[in-house]
N, C-alpha and C. Protein backbone atom coordinates (compact mmCIF):
# COMPACT_ATOMS: atom_id res chain seq x y z
N UNK A 1 -40.50 29.90 6.71
CA UNK A 1 -40.45 28.27 6.65
C UNK A 1 -40.15 27.76 5.47
N UNK A 2 -39.32 27.13 5.33
CA UNK A 2 -38.35 26.46 4.30
C UNK A 2 -39.31 25.27 3.45
N UNK A 3 -39.30 25.37 2.12
CA UNK A 3 -39.75 24.31 1.34
C UNK A 3 -39.42 23.78 0.63
N UNK A 4 -37.85 23.71 1.09
CA UNK A 4 -36.90 22.90 -0.21
C UNK A 4 -36.34 21.83 0.93
N UNK A 5 -35.75 20.97 0.46
CA UNK A 5 -34.60 20.25 1.36
C UNK A 5 -33.15 20.09 0.43
N UNK A 6 -32.14 20.75 1.63
CA UNK A 6 -31.15 20.44 0.77
C UNK A 6 -30.55 18.94 0.52
N UNK A 7 -29.86 18.21 -0.32
CA UNK A 7 -29.70 17.24 -0.48
C UNK A 7 -28.42 16.77 -0.68
N UNK A 8 -28.00 16.45 -0.04
CA UNK A 8 -26.01 16.19 -0.27
C UNK A 8 -26.12 14.55 -1.53
N UNK A 9 -25.64 15.50 -2.55
CA UNK A 9 -25.41 14.47 -3.71
C UNK A 9 -24.41 13.44 -2.92
N UNK A 10 -24.02 12.31 -3.72
CA UNK A 10 -23.26 11.29 -3.51
C UNK A 10 -22.11 11.32 -4.66
N UNK A 11 -20.61 11.26 -4.33
CA UNK A 11 -19.91 11.62 -5.18
C UNK A 11 -19.62 10.32 -6.77
N UNK A 12 -20.01 11.14 -7.85
CA UNK A 12 -19.97 9.82 -8.94
C UNK A 12 -18.76 9.29 -9.03
N UNK A 13 -18.76 8.14 -9.74
CA UNK A 13 -17.46 7.36 -9.09
C UNK A 13 -17.19 8.32 -11.06
N UNK A 14 -15.24 8.13 -10.71
CA UNK A 14 -14.77 8.86 -11.96
C UNK A 14 -13.66 7.67 -12.32
N UNK A 15 -13.21 8.12 -13.71
CA UNK A 15 -12.13 6.95 -14.26
C UNK A 15 -10.97 7.26 -13.58
N UNK A 16 -9.89 6.32 -13.83
CA UNK A 16 -8.81 6.52 -12.72
C UNK A 16 -7.28 6.58 -14.38
N UNK A 17 -6.39 6.94 -14.05
CA UNK A 17 -5.16 6.78 -14.40
C UNK A 17 -4.44 6.12 -13.31
N UNK A 18 -3.50 5.15 -13.86
CA UNK A 18 -2.74 4.57 -13.31
C UNK A 18 -1.39 4.47 -13.64
N UNK A 19 -0.52 5.34 -13.11
CA UNK A 19 0.82 5.06 -13.73
C UNK A 19 1.88 4.61 -12.59
N UNK A 20 2.45 3.83 -13.49
CA UNK A 20 3.68 3.21 -13.16
C UNK A 20 4.92 4.65 -13.16
N UNK A 21 6.00 4.26 -12.49
CA UNK A 21 6.33 5.42 -11.55
C UNK A 21 7.64 5.55 -12.84
N UNK A 22 8.89 4.79 -12.31
CA UNK A 22 10.14 4.11 -12.91
C UNK A 22 9.73 4.06 -14.12
N UNK A 23 10.83 4.89 -15.18
CA UNK A 23 10.64 4.85 -16.70
C UNK A 23 9.63 5.12 -17.04
N UNK A 24 8.34 5.50 -16.30
CA UNK A 24 7.10 6.64 -17.27
C UNK A 24 6.92 7.84 -16.77
N UNK A 25 7.11 8.18 -15.36
CA UNK A 25 7.20 9.28 -15.37
C UNK A 25 8.71 10.01 -14.58
N UNK A 26 9.28 9.00 -14.82
CA UNK A 26 10.59 9.66 -14.22
C UNK A 26 11.68 8.41 -14.77
N UNK A 27 12.94 9.38 -15.70
CA UNK A 27 13.82 8.13 -15.90
C UNK A 27 14.25 7.41 -14.93
N UNK A 28 14.47 5.89 -14.97
CA UNK A 28 14.60 4.53 -14.86
C UNK A 28 15.76 4.36 -14.29
N UNK A 29 16.43 5.40 -12.69
CA UNK A 29 18.31 5.20 -12.94
C UNK A 29 18.60 4.16 -11.87
N UNK A 30 17.28 3.30 -11.78
CA UNK A 30 17.90 2.20 -10.94
C UNK A 30 17.20 2.19 -9.28
N UNK A 31 16.56 1.80 -8.43
CA UNK A 31 16.80 2.16 -7.25
C UNK A 31 16.18 3.55 -6.87
N UNK A 32 15.61 4.19 -7.11
CA UNK A 32 15.37 5.87 -7.29
C UNK A 32 15.00 5.97 -5.88
N UNK A 33 15.33 7.04 -5.02
CA UNK A 33 15.24 7.52 -4.18
C UNK A 33 15.29 8.66 -3.46
N UNK A 34 16.48 9.22 -4.13
CA UNK A 34 16.93 10.41 -3.73
C UNK A 34 16.07 11.59 -4.84
N UNK A 35 16.04 12.53 -4.26
CA UNK A 35 15.50 13.97 -5.21
C UNK A 35 16.77 14.00 -6.51
N UNK A 36 18.08 14.39 -5.47
CA UNK A 36 18.86 14.75 -6.66
C UNK A 36 18.91 13.86 -7.72
N UNK A 37 18.38 12.41 -8.18
CA UNK A 37 18.59 11.73 -9.20
C UNK A 37 17.41 11.73 -9.66
N UNK A 38 16.51 12.18 -9.40
CA UNK A 38 15.36 12.51 -10.18
C UNK A 38 15.03 13.44 -11.39
N UNK A 39 14.57 12.61 -12.48
CA UNK A 39 14.29 13.42 -13.56
C UNK A 39 12.86 12.93 -14.39
N UNK A 40 12.31 14.16 -14.62
CA UNK A 40 10.86 13.86 -15.41
C UNK A 40 10.99 12.88 -16.46
N UNK A 41 10.25 12.00 -16.92
CA UNK A 41 10.13 12.15 -18.54
C UNK A 41 9.31 12.90 -19.36
N UNK A 42 9.88 13.20 -20.28
CA UNK A 42 9.70 14.36 -21.59
C UNK A 42 7.81 13.85 -21.31
N UNK A 43 7.25 15.07 -21.14
CA UNK A 43 5.57 15.16 -21.28
C UNK A 43 4.90 14.25 -20.13
N UNK A 44 5.53 14.19 -19.08
CA UNK A 44 5.03 13.43 -17.90
C UNK A 44 4.17 14.38 -17.15
N UNK A 45 4.67 15.30 -16.64
CA UNK A 45 3.72 16.68 -15.59
C UNK A 45 2.69 17.05 -16.73
N UNK A 46 2.80 17.42 -18.10
CA UNK A 46 1.71 17.62 -19.32
C UNK A 46 0.63 16.39 -18.81
N UNK A 47 0.72 14.92 -19.11
CA UNK A 47 0.04 14.20 -19.07
C UNK A 47 -0.56 14.44 -17.70
N UNK A 48 0.09 14.38 -16.46
CA UNK A 48 -0.82 14.48 -15.19
C UNK A 48 -1.38 15.42 -15.06
N UNK A 49 -1.23 16.52 -15.56
CA UNK A 49 -1.86 17.58 -15.68
C UNK A 49 -3.39 17.43 -16.34
N UNK A 50 -3.15 16.94 -17.94
CA UNK A 50 -4.19 16.58 -18.72
C UNK A 50 -5.48 15.86 -18.08
N UNK A 51 -4.51 14.60 -17.05
CA UNK A 51 -6.05 13.63 -17.02
C UNK A 51 -6.75 14.23 -15.38
N UNK A 52 -6.04 15.32 -14.42
CA UNK A 52 -6.42 15.96 -13.67
C UNK A 52 -7.15 16.85 -13.87
N UNK A 53 -6.89 17.53 -15.13
CA UNK A 53 -8.10 18.78 -16.01
C UNK A 53 -9.04 17.68 -15.98
N UNK A 54 -9.05 16.85 -16.74
CA UNK A 54 -10.40 15.94 -17.26
C UNK A 54 -10.95 14.91 -16.18
N UNK A 55 -10.65 15.37 -15.13
CA UNK A 55 -11.29 14.95 -13.88
C UNK A 55 -11.26 13.24 -13.81
N UNK A 56 -9.71 13.09 -14.14
CA UNK A 56 -9.88 11.44 -13.36
C UNK A 56 -8.78 11.39 -12.22
N UNK A 57 -8.91 10.44 -11.26
CA UNK A 57 -7.97 10.26 -10.44
C UNK A 57 -6.56 9.88 -11.04
N UNK A 58 -5.67 10.52 -10.45
CA UNK A 58 -4.35 10.64 -10.90
C UNK A 58 -3.77 9.52 -10.00
N UNK A 59 -3.17 8.09 -9.77
CA UNK A 59 -2.28 7.47 -8.99
C UNK A 59 -1.39 6.88 -9.57
N UNK A 60 -0.23 6.56 -9.04
CA UNK A 60 0.98 6.20 -9.10
C UNK A 60 1.34 5.02 -8.59
N UNK A 61 1.30 3.27 -9.39
CA UNK A 61 1.61 2.10 -8.89
C UNK A 61 3.05 1.95 -9.03
N UNK A 62 3.72 1.57 -8.04
CA UNK A 62 4.94 1.51 -8.45
C UNK A 62 5.40 0.03 -7.40
N UNK A 63 6.04 -0.79 -8.07
CA UNK A 63 7.65 -1.46 -7.40
C UNK A 63 8.53 -1.16 -6.59
N UNK A 64 8.32 -0.93 -5.16
CA UNK A 64 9.95 -0.51 -4.77
C UNK A 64 10.58 -1.63 -3.89
N UNK A 65 10.81 -2.41 -4.43
CA UNK A 65 11.90 -3.79 -4.06
C UNK A 65 13.04 -3.24 -3.27
N UNK A 66 13.40 -2.04 -3.59
CA UNK A 66 14.69 -1.68 -2.69
C UNK A 66 14.56 -1.57 -1.24
N UNK A 67 13.28 -1.56 -0.49
CA UNK A 67 13.19 -1.07 0.72
C UNK A 67 13.41 -2.63 0.82
N UNK A 68 12.72 -3.60 0.61
CA UNK A 68 13.31 -5.23 0.81
C UNK A 68 14.50 -5.93 0.92
N UNK A 69 15.11 -5.17 -0.31
CA UNK A 69 16.36 -5.39 -0.77
C UNK A 69 17.73 -4.27 0.43
N UNK A 70 17.02 -3.62 1.21
CA UNK A 70 17.56 -2.82 2.11
C UNK A 70 18.30 -1.47 1.29
N UNK A 71 17.98 -1.05 0.32
CA UNK A 71 18.78 0.00 -0.44
C UNK A 71 18.45 1.32 0.07
N UNK A 72 17.14 1.20 0.93
CA UNK A 72 16.58 2.61 0.78
C UNK A 72 15.12 2.11 1.76
N UNK A 73 14.98 3.33 2.61
CA UNK A 73 13.54 2.98 3.65
C UNK A 73 12.19 3.70 2.89
N UNK A 74 11.06 3.03 3.43
CA UNK A 74 9.94 3.61 3.10
C UNK A 74 9.73 4.97 3.29
N UNK A 75 10.37 5.46 4.42
CA UNK A 75 10.18 7.24 4.58
C UNK A 75 11.11 8.01 3.43
N UNK A 76 12.00 7.03 2.85
CA UNK A 76 12.96 7.97 1.69
C UNK A 76 11.72 7.68 0.35
N UNK A 77 10.98 6.73 0.01
CA UNK A 77 10.13 6.51 -1.01
C UNK A 77 8.69 7.79 -0.43
N UNK A 78 8.43 8.36 0.49
CA UNK A 78 7.31 8.86 0.61
C UNK A 78 7.86 10.29 0.51
N UNK A 79 9.43 10.63 1.18
CA UNK A 79 10.03 12.15 0.50
C UNK A 79 10.07 12.29 -0.56
N UNK A 80 9.96 11.03 -1.47
CA UNK A 80 10.21 11.83 -2.62
C UNK A 80 9.27 11.57 -3.17
N UNK A 81 8.09 10.98 -3.22
CA UNK A 81 6.29 11.29 -3.34
C UNK A 81 5.92 12.51 -3.16
N UNK A 82 6.06 12.79 -1.73
CA UNK A 82 5.62 14.23 -1.48
C UNK A 82 6.53 15.49 -2.80
N UNK A 83 8.04 15.30 -2.45
CA UNK A 83 8.76 15.95 -3.34
C UNK A 83 7.78 16.32 -4.67
N UNK A 84 7.66 14.97 -5.43
CA UNK A 84 6.90 15.06 -6.75
C UNK A 84 5.94 15.57 -6.89
N UNK A 85 4.76 15.64 -5.78
CA UNK A 85 3.90 16.35 -6.08
C UNK A 85 4.05 18.02 -6.05
N UNK A 86 4.52 18.09 -4.92
CA UNK A 86 5.46 19.89 -4.48
C UNK A 86 5.87 20.47 -6.21
N UNK A 87 6.20 19.18 -6.94
CA UNK A 87 6.62 20.21 -8.27
C UNK A 87 5.66 19.92 -9.12
N UNK A 88 4.78 19.49 -8.72
CA UNK A 88 3.57 18.86 -10.02
C UNK A 88 2.66 20.40 -9.32
N UNK A 89 2.67 20.61 -8.33
CA UNK A 89 2.02 21.83 -7.89
C UNK A 89 2.26 23.26 -8.59
N UNK A 90 3.67 23.03 -9.25
CA UNK A 90 3.98 24.17 -9.42
C UNK A 90 3.29 24.30 -10.44
N UNK A 91 2.51 23.34 -11.36
CA UNK A 91 1.91 23.18 -12.74
C UNK A 91 0.63 23.14 -12.88
N UNK A 92 0.11 23.26 -12.01
CA UNK A 92 -1.51 22.88 -11.06
C UNK A 92 -1.64 21.63 -11.72
N UNK A 93 -0.92 20.88 -11.30
CA UNK A 93 -1.06 19.12 -11.16
C UNK A 93 -0.43 18.81 -9.92
N UNK A 94 -1.05 17.46 -9.66
CA UNK A 94 -1.38 16.51 -9.06
C UNK A 94 -1.35 15.00 -9.00
N UNK A 95 -0.86 14.36 -7.64
CA UNK A 95 -1.02 12.57 -8.04
C UNK A 95 -2.03 12.43 -6.98
N UNK A 96 -3.15 12.04 -6.92
CA UNK A 96 -3.93 11.39 -5.63
C UNK A 96 -3.59 11.03 -4.71
N UNK A 97 -2.64 9.70 -4.93
CA UNK A 97 -2.01 9.19 -4.13
C UNK A 97 -1.02 8.15 -4.84
N UNK A 98 -0.45 7.83 -4.14
CA UNK A 98 1.19 7.05 -4.46
C UNK A 98 0.99 5.48 -3.73
N UNK A 99 0.73 4.34 -4.48
CA UNK A 99 0.56 3.33 -3.60
C UNK A 99 1.82 2.43 -4.47
N UNK A 100 2.79 1.85 -3.83
CA UNK A 100 3.73 1.22 -3.58
C UNK A 100 4.16 -0.07 -2.79
N UNK A 101 4.63 -1.27 -3.83
CA UNK A 101 5.01 -2.34 -2.95
C UNK A 101 6.37 -2.43 -2.59
N UNK A 102 6.32 -2.37 -1.23
CA UNK A 102 7.93 -2.58 -0.67
C UNK A 102 8.68 -4.01 -0.53
N UNK A 103 7.77 -4.74 -1.02
CA UNK A 103 7.68 -6.41 -0.96
C UNK A 103 9.09 -6.67 -1.81
N UNK A 104 9.74 -7.64 -1.81
CA UNK A 104 10.16 -8.58 -2.72
C UNK A 104 10.51 -10.01 -1.70
N UNK A 105 10.38 -11.25 -2.46
CA UNK A 105 10.36 -12.70 -1.60
C UNK A 105 12.15 -12.73 -1.65
N UNK A 106 12.95 -11.82 -2.55
CA UNK A 106 14.41 -12.51 -2.29
C UNK A 106 15.44 -10.96 -1.55
N UNK A 107 14.27 -10.52 -0.69
CA UNK A 107 14.96 -8.97 0.01
C UNK A 107 15.59 -9.68 1.44
N UNK A 108 16.27 -8.42 1.61
CA UNK A 108 16.97 -8.96 3.25
C UNK A 108 16.25 -8.45 4.23
N UNK A 109 15.33 -7.77 4.19
CA UNK A 109 14.51 -7.09 5.33
C UNK A 109 13.97 -7.89 5.82
N UNK A 110 13.59 -8.62 6.63
CA UNK A 110 12.82 -9.83 6.82
C UNK A 110 11.29 -9.22 6.76
N UNK A 111 10.81 -7.88 7.15
CA UNK A 111 9.43 -7.50 7.27
C UNK A 111 8.74 -7.42 5.79
N UNK A 112 10.02 -7.12 5.38
CA UNK A 112 9.30 -6.69 3.51
C UNK A 112 9.80 -8.30 2.84
N UNK A 113 10.47 -9.25 2.97
CA UNK A 113 10.77 -10.26 2.30
C UNK A 113 9.90 -11.42 2.52
N UNK A 114 8.94 -11.45 1.54
CA UNK A 114 7.95 -12.15 1.21
C UNK A 114 6.66 -11.98 0.21
N UNK A 115 6.51 -13.27 -0.31
CA UNK A 115 5.41 -13.13 -1.64
C UNK A 115 4.32 -12.50 -1.09
N UNK A 116 4.13 -11.59 -1.82
CA UNK A 116 2.67 -10.58 -1.58
C UNK A 116 1.81 -10.86 -2.35
N UNK A 117 0.67 -9.46 -2.23
CA UNK A 117 -0.23 -9.90 -3.59
C UNK A 117 -0.25 -7.80 -3.85
N UNK A 118 0.73 -7.31 -3.60
CA UNK A 118 0.61 -5.82 -4.56
C UNK A 118 1.76 -5.83 -5.11
N UNK A 119 2.56 -6.71 -5.30
CA UNK A 119 3.67 -6.84 -6.19
C UNK A 119 2.97 -7.00 -7.36
N UNK A 120 3.64 -6.31 -8.85
CA UNK A 120 2.65 -5.74 -9.47
C UNK A 120 3.46 -7.07 -10.44
N UNK A 121 3.36 -8.57 -11.31
CA UNK A 121 1.71 -8.20 -12.11
C UNK A 121 0.38 -8.29 -11.40
N UNK A 122 0.52 -8.78 -9.47
CA UNK A 122 -0.72 -8.65 -9.21
C UNK A 122 -1.39 -7.87 -9.04
N UNK A 123 -2.44 -7.20 -8.49
CA UNK A 123 -3.36 -5.96 -8.86
C UNK A 123 -3.90 -5.53 -7.39
N UNK A 124 -2.79 -5.71 -6.43
CA UNK A 124 -3.03 -5.60 -5.21
C UNK A 124 -3.36 -3.83 -5.35
N UNK A 125 -2.14 -3.23 -5.39
CA UNK A 125 -2.60 -1.59 -5.27
C UNK A 125 -3.58 -1.04 -6.20
N UNK A 126 -3.58 -1.73 -7.02
CA UNK A 126 -5.24 -1.14 -7.99
C UNK A 126 -6.46 -1.33 -6.59
N UNK A 127 -5.87 -2.92 -6.07
CA UNK A 127 -7.16 -2.79 -5.74
C UNK A 127 -7.61 -1.68 -3.94
N UNK A 128 -6.37 -1.63 -3.52
CA UNK A 128 -6.53 -0.83 -2.63
C UNK A 128 -7.12 0.48 -3.30
N UNK A 129 -6.41 0.89 -4.23
CA UNK A 129 -7.30 2.22 -4.69
C UNK A 129 -8.75 2.05 -4.62
N UNK A 130 -9.19 0.89 -5.47
CA UNK A 130 -10.67 0.44 -5.57
C UNK A 130 -11.41 0.53 -4.12
N UNK A 131 -10.90 -0.12 -3.10
CA UNK A 131 -11.23 0.48 -1.81
C UNK A 131 -11.35 1.27 -1.14
N UNK A 132 -10.27 2.23 -1.52
CA UNK A 132 -10.43 3.58 -0.79
C UNK A 132 -11.09 4.97 -1.90
N UNK A 133 -11.19 4.95 -2.86
CA UNK A 133 -11.82 5.54 -3.97
C UNK A 133 -13.10 5.35 -5.09
N UNK A 134 -14.06 5.96 -5.33
CA UNK A 134 -15.36 5.66 -6.00
C UNK A 134 -14.34 5.95 -7.26
N UNK A 135 -13.68 4.69 -8.15
CA UNK A 135 -13.29 4.28 -9.43
C UNK A 135 -14.04 3.44 -10.15
N UNK A 136 -14.24 4.40 -11.51
CA UNK A 136 -14.99 3.62 -12.91
C UNK A 136 -13.65 2.86 -13.83
N UNK A 137 -13.76 1.40 -13.43
CA UNK A 137 -12.88 0.82 -13.86
C UNK A 137 -12.91 0.68 -15.15
N UNK A 138 -14.16 0.67 -16.01
CA UNK A 138 -14.30 0.63 -17.16
C UNK A 138 -13.59 1.57 -17.93
N UNK A 139 -13.39 2.96 -17.48
CA UNK A 139 -13.26 4.14 -17.83
C UNK A 139 -11.41 4.36 -17.94
N UNK A 140 -10.90 3.54 -16.94
CA UNK A 140 -9.58 3.87 -16.50
C UNK A 140 -8.81 2.80 -17.35
N UNK A 141 -7.47 3.38 -17.30
CA UNK A 141 -6.15 3.18 -17.90
C UNK A 141 -5.30 3.07 -16.99
N UNK A 142 -3.91 2.12 -17.37
CA UNK A 142 -2.62 1.93 -17.10
C UNK A 142 -1.52 2.60 -17.98
N UNK A 143 -0.79 3.11 -17.52
CA UNK A 143 0.34 3.40 -18.45
C UNK A 143 2.05 2.51 -17.61
N UNK A 144 2.46 1.84 -18.06
CA UNK A 144 3.43 1.16 -17.95
C UNK A 144 4.68 1.02 -18.70
N UNK A 145 5.77 0.75 -18.57
CA UNK A 145 6.78 0.48 -19.83
C UNK A 145 7.73 -1.07 -19.59
N UNK A 146 6.88 -1.99 -18.82
CA UNK A 146 7.34 -3.56 -18.31
C UNK A 146 6.31 -4.28 -18.57
N UNK A 147 6.16 -5.51 -18.77
CA UNK A 147 5.36 -6.13 -19.52
C UNK A 147 4.89 -6.75 -17.63
N UNK A 148 5.38 -6.28 -16.41
CA UNK A 148 4.42 -6.54 -15.23
C UNK A 148 3.47 -5.93 -15.49
N UNK A 149 3.67 -4.62 -15.78
CA UNK A 149 2.39 -3.46 -15.64
C UNK A 149 1.15 -3.95 -16.49
N UNK A 150 1.82 -4.16 -17.73
CA UNK A 150 0.61 -4.79 -18.97
C UNK A 150 -0.05 -6.00 -18.00
N UNK A 151 0.18 -6.76 -17.70
CA UNK A 151 0.35 -8.03 -17.27
C UNK A 151 -0.87 -7.81 -15.57
N UNK A 152 -0.43 -6.74 -14.95
CA UNK A 152 -1.46 -6.07 -14.07
C UNK A 152 -2.38 -5.82 -14.54
N UNK A 153 -2.71 -4.78 -15.68
CA UNK A 153 -4.03 -3.85 -16.30
C UNK A 153 -4.93 -5.00 -16.79
N UNK A 154 -4.21 -6.24 -17.13
CA UNK A 154 -4.91 -7.40 -17.93
C UNK A 154 -5.27 -8.20 -17.36
N UNK A 155 -4.97 -8.35 -15.81
CA UNK A 155 -5.34 -9.15 -14.79
C UNK A 155 -6.49 -8.45 -14.09
N UNK A 156 -6.41 -7.14 -14.32
CA UNK A 156 -7.59 -6.20 -13.34
C UNK A 156 -8.84 -6.26 -14.48
N UNK A 157 -8.25 -6.56 -16.13
CA UNK A 157 -9.49 -5.74 -16.83
C UNK A 157 -9.63 -4.77 -17.02
N UNK A 158 -8.69 -3.72 -17.00
CA UNK A 158 -8.58 -2.66 -17.62
C UNK A 158 -7.53 -2.04 -18.58
N UNK A 159 -7.68 -0.92 -19.65
CA UNK A 159 -7.04 -0.90 -20.51
C UNK A 159 -5.49 -0.50 -20.41
N UNK A 160 -4.54 0.04 -21.36
CA UNK A 160 -3.34 0.35 -20.94
C UNK A 160 -2.46 0.75 -21.98
N UNK A 161 -1.47 1.40 -21.44
CA UNK A 161 -0.43 1.95 -22.53
C UNK A 161 0.86 1.39 -22.23
N UNK A 162 1.27 0.76 -23.35
CA UNK A 162 2.98 0.46 -23.04
C UNK A 162 4.00 1.66 -23.39
N UNK A 163 4.72 2.31 -22.70
CA UNK A 163 5.24 3.19 -22.96
C UNK A 163 6.70 2.77 -23.61
N UNK A 164 7.14 3.77 -24.89
CA UNK A 164 8.22 2.93 -25.37
C UNK A 164 9.34 4.25 -25.97
N UNK A 165 8.40 5.42 -25.70
CA UNK A 165 9.43 6.54 -26.15
C UNK A 165 9.30 7.72 -25.36
N UNK A 166 8.22 8.30 -24.99
CA UNK A 166 7.83 9.46 -24.41
C UNK A 166 6.50 9.54 -23.95
N UNK A 167 6.07 10.49 -23.22
CA UNK A 167 4.50 10.20 -22.24
C UNK A 167 3.74 11.21 -24.05
N UNK A 168 4.36 11.71 -24.45
CA UNK A 168 3.59 12.94 -25.68
C UNK A 168 3.03 12.15 -26.54
N UNK A 169 3.67 11.04 -27.14
CA UNK A 169 2.80 9.80 -27.40
C UNK A 169 1.85 9.36 -27.23
N UNK A 170 1.96 8.80 -25.84
CA UNK A 170 0.88 8.02 -25.37
C UNK A 170 0.00 9.29 -24.94
N UNK A 171 0.30 10.37 -24.57
CA UNK A 171 -0.78 11.12 -24.09
C UNK A 171 -2.01 11.44 -25.50
N UNK A 172 -1.58 11.44 -26.67
CA UNK A 172 -1.82 11.63 -27.55
C UNK A 172 -2.66 10.44 -28.12
N UNK A 173 -2.29 9.43 -27.97
CA UNK A 173 -2.94 8.31 -28.20
C UNK A 173 -4.34 8.06 -27.58
N UNK A 174 -3.93 8.26 -25.65
CA UNK A 174 -5.01 8.31 -24.97
C UNK A 174 -5.97 9.22 -25.01
N UNK A 175 -5.36 10.34 -25.54
CA UNK A 175 -6.76 11.56 -25.87
C UNK A 175 -7.53 11.24 -26.93
N UNK A 176 -7.16 10.75 -27.83
CA UNK A 176 -7.60 10.21 -28.96
C UNK A 176 -8.44 8.58 -28.84
N UNK A 177 -8.03 8.07 -27.92
CA UNK A 177 -8.99 6.58 -27.12
C UNK A 177 -10.24 7.19 -26.57
N UNK A 178 -9.38 8.06 -25.60
CA UNK A 178 -10.93 8.80 -24.75
C UNK A 178 -11.78 9.36 -25.51
N UNK A 179 -11.45 10.30 -26.68
CA UNK A 179 -12.60 11.32 -27.39
C UNK A 179 -13.20 9.89 -27.98
N UNK A 180 -13.00 8.64 -28.62
CA UNK A 180 -13.62 7.85 -29.52
C UNK A 180 -14.48 7.24 -28.42
N UNK A 181 -13.54 6.92 -27.25
CA UNK A 181 -14.72 6.22 -26.11
C UNK A 181 -16.05 6.66 -25.88
N UNK A 182 -16.15 8.17 -25.65
CA UNK A 182 -16.97 9.51 -25.17
C UNK A 182 -17.60 9.45 -26.33
N UNK A 183 -17.34 9.30 -27.54
CA UNK A 183 -18.53 9.29 -29.08
C UNK A 183 -18.86 8.45 -29.04
N UNK A 184 -18.51 7.24 -28.80
CA UNK A 184 -19.15 5.67 -28.63
C UNK A 184 -20.38 5.50 -27.39
N UNK A 185 -20.25 6.55 -26.45
CA UNK A 185 -21.54 6.34 -25.43
C UNK A 185 -22.42 7.39 -25.81
């Protein structure tokens, strides 16, 4: 006779780190879609691994208007993102999901040429993540390198860091901020 019942625990919400891609994780070469043109920013792999180890969701949210402009296709973006995760796996790191906006109101590919809700500084990509994952938004961060990234974070009410030089400086600042946040609770 069994005197206990196994209870499936509900997943706890976790904080998330939202990385912009170009200029934050990789050198911004302008409309990047070719693997051979990709170069990691110093400290980017370590930052991703840091947040993996801290049990954060790790997401990329990136405007990719090159699709609407006809420079490349969505398949090219997906190929590059899959390659990024393959490279990260060599360091025991990963990105949980890539969210991208292929739209631009001045694009030449009609199916992508309109004003959307996902293009930063709008918050559609963060909203997509919230609908799919159990995210503790109050402990989440966005790291970006442009005003539109910061405006997106402000529009969604989350903390942000503006990348100026390299990811190592941001990682140190976040590490200190996270320790301070944890010690206050």
